[in-house]
Amino acid sequence: MPRFFWLLPVCAGFLATQVLAATALDGWGGYKFGMSPDAARAIKGQSFGPYSAKNIWNENKGAMGATTRPAINGVAYDFNLFFDDVSKLNGISLENEKQSSLGDCGGGFLTLLAQQEKNYGGFNPVDPERKRDETQTPPTSLEWKSQGGSRYELATVTLPDEYAYAWKARKGDGYHYVEVYATWSSKPDDPAAPCVSGIRFGIK
């Protein structure tokens, strides 16, 4: 057996992961960064409403929302595309909202993170850790946590009559990124409140 034969499976797995991440992070499925609204609309599988070249602040930042809801691992998502000032695709959003408890919302985020880790490799927190600061308005803490091959952040915001929680993790290649997130806001023991979770693809 060649001296370094045992390294081949390790190297092959590493290279496969790198290629997968480099390929996947330039968009989502057939929706690739840089394409025009018409090119995005021509991709089979989804239907879109009208394209708006300006946002609500009258900036040259376009958007186009799908009238259909793609499903990922059995969950349906609202699907939106975002464009720069020359109408080139530079952002993709898949978002789901449902009523759930705090524990179920956090568990849903961890499930989504594990699913996306299989596609892109390990994720990492986006923001630095910080302890709760009573001088902030509102007081906020941010903790890093781990699951599988990923790390993620959990921000806790204390409001006068409720708490807000935000989970987030990102995978980047130096230029493109994919981010998974979830937010939940209510009293911690509330059995049901809106849980918003999703996946964002963008360009740094």
Protein backbone atom coordinates (compact mmCIF):
# COMPACT_ATOMS: atom_id res chain seq x y z
CA MET A 1 0.00 0.00 0.00
CA PRO A 2 1.40 3.47 -0.86
CA ARG A 3 2.65 5.34 2.14
CA PHE A 4 -0.03 8.04 2.07
CA PHE A 5 -2.85 5.94 0.63
CA TRP A 6 -4.87 6.34 3.83
CA LEU A 7 -5.09 10.10 3.21
CA LEU A 8 -7.00 9.73 -0.06
CA PRO A 9 -10.52 9.26 1.42
CA VAL A 10 -9.95 12.20 3.77
CA CYS A 11 -8.71 14.47 0.99
CA ALA A 12 -11.46 13.36 -1.37
CA GLY A 13 -14.13 14.09 1.22
CA PHE A 14 -12.63 17.50 1.97
CA LEU A 15 -12.43 18.45 -1.70
CA ALA A 16 -15.99 17.27 -2.33
CA THR A 17 -17.23 19.44 0.54
CA GLN A 18 -15.30 22.45 -0.75
CA VAL A 19 -16.64 22.03 -4.30
CA LEU A 20 -20.21 21.58 -3.05
CA ALA A 21 -20.06 24.74 -0.94
CA ALA A 22 -18.39 26.78 -3.71
CA THR A 23 -21.05 25.70 -6.22
CA ALA A 24 -24.08 26.07 -3.96
CA LEU A 25 -23.27 29.49 -2.51
CA ASP A 26 -23.67 31.34 -5.82
CA GLY A 27 -27.45 31.16 -5.43
CA TRP A 28 -30.18 28.65 -4.70
CA GLY A 29 -31.01 25.94 -7.21
CA GLY A 30 -31.32 27.48 -10.64
CA TYR A 31 -31.51 31.02 -9.21
CA LYS A 32 -27.97 32.35 -9.60
CA PHE A 33 -26.63 35.71 -8.47
CA GLY A 34 -26.31 38.18 -11.35
CA MET A 35 -29.31 36.97 -13.34
CA SER A 36 -32.04 39.37 -14.46
CA PRO A 37 -35.67 39.31 -13.26
CA ASP A 38 -36.74 37.89 -16.63
CA ALA A 39 -34.13 35.12 -16.43
CA ALA A 40 -35.25 34.25 -12.91
CA ARG A 41 -38.90 34.24 -13.96
CA ALA A 42 -38.09 31.86 -16.84
CA ILE A 43 -36.87 29.11 -14.47
CA LYS A 44 -39.51 26.39 -14.29
CA GLY A 45 -41.10 25.42 -11.01
CA GLN A 46 -42.12 28.75 -9.46
CA SER A 47 -44.44 31.60 -10.45
CA PHE A 48 -43.77 35.23 -9.59
CA GLY A 49 -45.76 38.42 -9.23
CA PRO A 50 -44.67 41.69 -10.85
CA TYR A 51 -41.09 42.95 -10.52
CA SER A 52 -40.62 46.22 -8.63
CA ALA A 53 -37.41 48.09 -9.48
CA LYS A 54 -37.55 50.27 -6.33
CA ASN A 55 -38.13 49.53 -2.66
CA ILE A 56 -40.50 51.36 -0.30
CA TRP A 57 -37.82 54.03 0.32
CA ASN A 58 -37.63 54.69 -3.45
CA GLU A 59 -34.12 53.22 -3.61
CA ASN A 60 -32.98 51.38 -6.74
CA LYS A 61 -33.24 48.00 -5.06
CA GLY A 62 -35.66 45.69 -6.81
CA ALA A 63 -37.68 42.72 -5.59
CA MET A 64 -39.93 40.00 -6.95
CA GLY A 65 -42.07 37.70 -4.82
CA ALA A 66 -43.19 34.21 -5.75
CA THR A 67 -46.90 33.43 -5.82
CA THR A 68 -46.01 29.78 -5.16
CA ARG A 69 -44.34 28.35 -2.04
CA PRO A 70 -41.41 25.98 -2.55
CA ALA A 71 -41.10 23.15 -0.02
CA ILE A 72 -37.82 22.19 1.64
CA ASN A 73 -37.85 18.98 3.68
CA GLY A 74 -41.63 19.14 3.82
CA VAL A 75 -41.84 22.79 4.96
CA ALA A 76 -43.34 25.45 2.65
CA TYR A 77 -41.56 28.80 2.42
CA ASP A 78 -42.44 32.27 1.16
CA PHE A 79 -39.94 32.88 -1.64
CA ASN A 80 -38.55 36.30 -2.58
CA LEU A 81 -35.79 37.50 -4.89
CA PHE A 82 -33.90 40.79 -4.47
CA PHE A 83 -31.96 42.76 -7.08
CA ASP A 84 -29.33 45.50 -7.12
CA ASP A 85 -29.46 48.92 -8.81
CA VAL A 86 -28.87 47.39 -12.26
CA SER A 87 -31.53 44.69 -11.72
CA LYS A 88 -29.10 41.82 -11.10
CA LEU A 89 -30.06 39.16 -8.55
CA ASN A 90 -28.14 39.68 -5.29
CA GLY A 91 -30.37 38.20 -2.59
CA ILE A 92 -32.70 35.24 -2.05
CA SER A 93 -35.05 34.72 0.88
CA LEU A 94 -37.01 31.64 1.95
CA GLU A 95 -39.15 32.30 5.03
CA ASN A 96 -41.75 30.38 7.04
CA GLU A 97 -43.98 31.62 9.87
CA LYS A 98 -46.01 29.44 12.21
CA GLN A 99 -47.36 29.48 15.74
CA SER A 100 -45.16 27.54 18.17
CA SER A 101 -43.74 27.48 21.67
CA LEU A 102 -40.28 28.87 22.43
CA GLY A 103 -38.86 25.35 22.68
CA ASP A 104 -40.40 24.24 19.39
CA CYS A 105 -39.15 27.36 17.61
CA GLY A 106 -35.60 26.77 18.84
CA GLY A 107 -35.86 23.10 17.95
CA GLY A 108 -37.07 24.00 14.48
CA PHE A 109 -34.04 26.24 13.99
CA LEU A 110 -31.70 23.42 15.02
CA THR A 111 -33.43 21.05 12.58
CA LEU A 112 -33.06 23.59 9.77
CA LEU A 113 -29.40 24.16 10.68
CA ALA A 114 -28.68 20.41 10.60
CA GLN A 115 -30.39 20.07 7.21
CA GLN A 116 -28.41 22.92 5.68
CA GLU A 117 -25.15 21.70 7.22
CA LYS A 118 -25.53 18.57 5.07
CA ASN A 119 -25.56 20.82 1.99
CA TYR A 120 -22.93 23.42 2.88
CA GLY A 121 -20.79 22.12 5.74
CA GLY A 122 -20.41 23.75 9.14
CA PHE A 123 -21.98 27.13 9.93
CA ASN A 124 -20.72 29.79 12.35
CA PRO A 125 -22.13 32.68 14.42
CA VAL A 126 -22.35 36.08 12.74
CA ASP A 127 -22.02 38.45 15.72
CA PRO A 128 -19.60 38.49 18.70
CA GLU A 129 -20.67 37.08 22.05
CA ARG A 130 -21.73 39.55 24.73
CA LYS A 131 -23.18 39.31 28.20
CA ARG A 132 -26.48 40.91 29.13
CA ASP A 133 -26.02 44.65 29.54
CA GLU A 134 -28.63 46.43 31.63
CA THR A 135 -27.55 49.79 30.20
CA GLN A 136 -28.67 48.76 26.71
CA THR A 137 -32.14 49.62 25.50
CA PRO A 138 -33.46 46.98 25.49
CA PRO A 139 -31.03 44.80 27.50
CA THR A 140 -29.56 42.13 25.22
CA SER A 141 -27.28 39.13 25.54
CA LEU A 142 -25.72 37.03 22.77
CA GLU A 143 -24.39 33.52 23.36
CA TRP A 144 -22.57 31.15 21.02
CA LYS A 145 -23.73 27.53 21.00
CA SER A 146 -22.81 24.35 19.12
CA GLN A 147 -24.63 21.57 17.32
CA GLY A 148 -23.06 18.90 15.12
CA GLY A 149 -20.34 20.49 13.01
CA SER A 150 -21.79 24.00 13.36
CA ARG A 151 -21.82 26.86 15.83
CA TYR A 152 -24.65 29.36 16.02
CA GLU A 153 -25.70 32.40 18.03
CA LEU A 154 -28.68 32.97 20.30
CA ALA A 155 -29.58 36.55 21.12
CA THR A 156 -32.01 37.23 23.97
CA VAL A 157 -33.68 40.63 24.19
CA THR A 158 -35.56 41.66 27.33
CA LEU A 159 -38.62 43.80 26.60
CA PRO A 160 -40.93 45.35 29.22
CA ASP A 161 -43.60 42.63 28.99
CA GLU A 162 -41.95 39.84 26.97
CA TYR A 163 -38.71 38.36 25.67
CA ALA A 164 -37.44 38.14 22.11
CA TYR A 165 -35.11 35.35 20.93
CA ALA A 166 -33.12 35.22 17.70
CA TRP A 167 -31.05 32.28 16.45
CA LYS A 168 -28.64 32.75 13.54
CA ALA A 169 -25.72 31.02 11.78
CA ARG A 170 -23.90 31.68 8.51
CA LYS A 171 -21.70 29.87 5.99
CA GLY A 172 -19.64 31.97 3.58
CA ASP A 173 -17.02 31.57 0.87
CA GLY A 174 -15.56 35.06 1.22
CA TYR A 175 -18.03 36.63 -1.19
CA HIS A 176 -21.35 34.73 -1.09
CA TYR A 177 -23.09 33.44 2.00
CA VAL A 178 -26.03 31.37 3.17
CA GLU A 179 -27.64 32.13 6.53
CA VAL A 180 -30.21 30.24 8.59
CA TYR A 181 -32.24 32.03 11.26
CA ALA A 182 -35.29 31.99 13.50
CA THR A 183 -37.00 34.54 15.74
CA TRP A 184 -39.61 34.21 18.48
CA SER A 185 -41.09 36.89 20.75
CA SER A 186 -43.51 36.50 23.66
CA LYS A 187 -43.52 35.52 27.32
CA PRO A 188 -41.17 32.50 27.63
CA ASP A 189 -43.94 30.20 28.89
CA ASP A 190 -46.43 31.23 26.19
CA PRO A 191 -47.60 27.99 24.50
CA ALA A 192 -47.87 29.63 21.08
CA ALA A 193 -46.45 32.74 19.40
CA PRO A 194 -45.18 33.54 15.90
CA CYS A 195 -41.98 31.69 15.04
CA VAL A 196 -40.33 33.08 11.91
CA SER A 197 -37.55 30.97 10.41
CA GLY A 198 -35.80 30.79 7.11
CA ILE A 199 -32.78 30.75 4.84
CA ARG A 200 -31.13 33.76 3.23
CA PHE A 201 -28.59 33.75 0.39
CA GLY A 202 -26.64 36.91 -0.33
CA ILE A 203 -23.48 38.67 -1.44
CA LYS A 204 -21.22 40.34 1.14
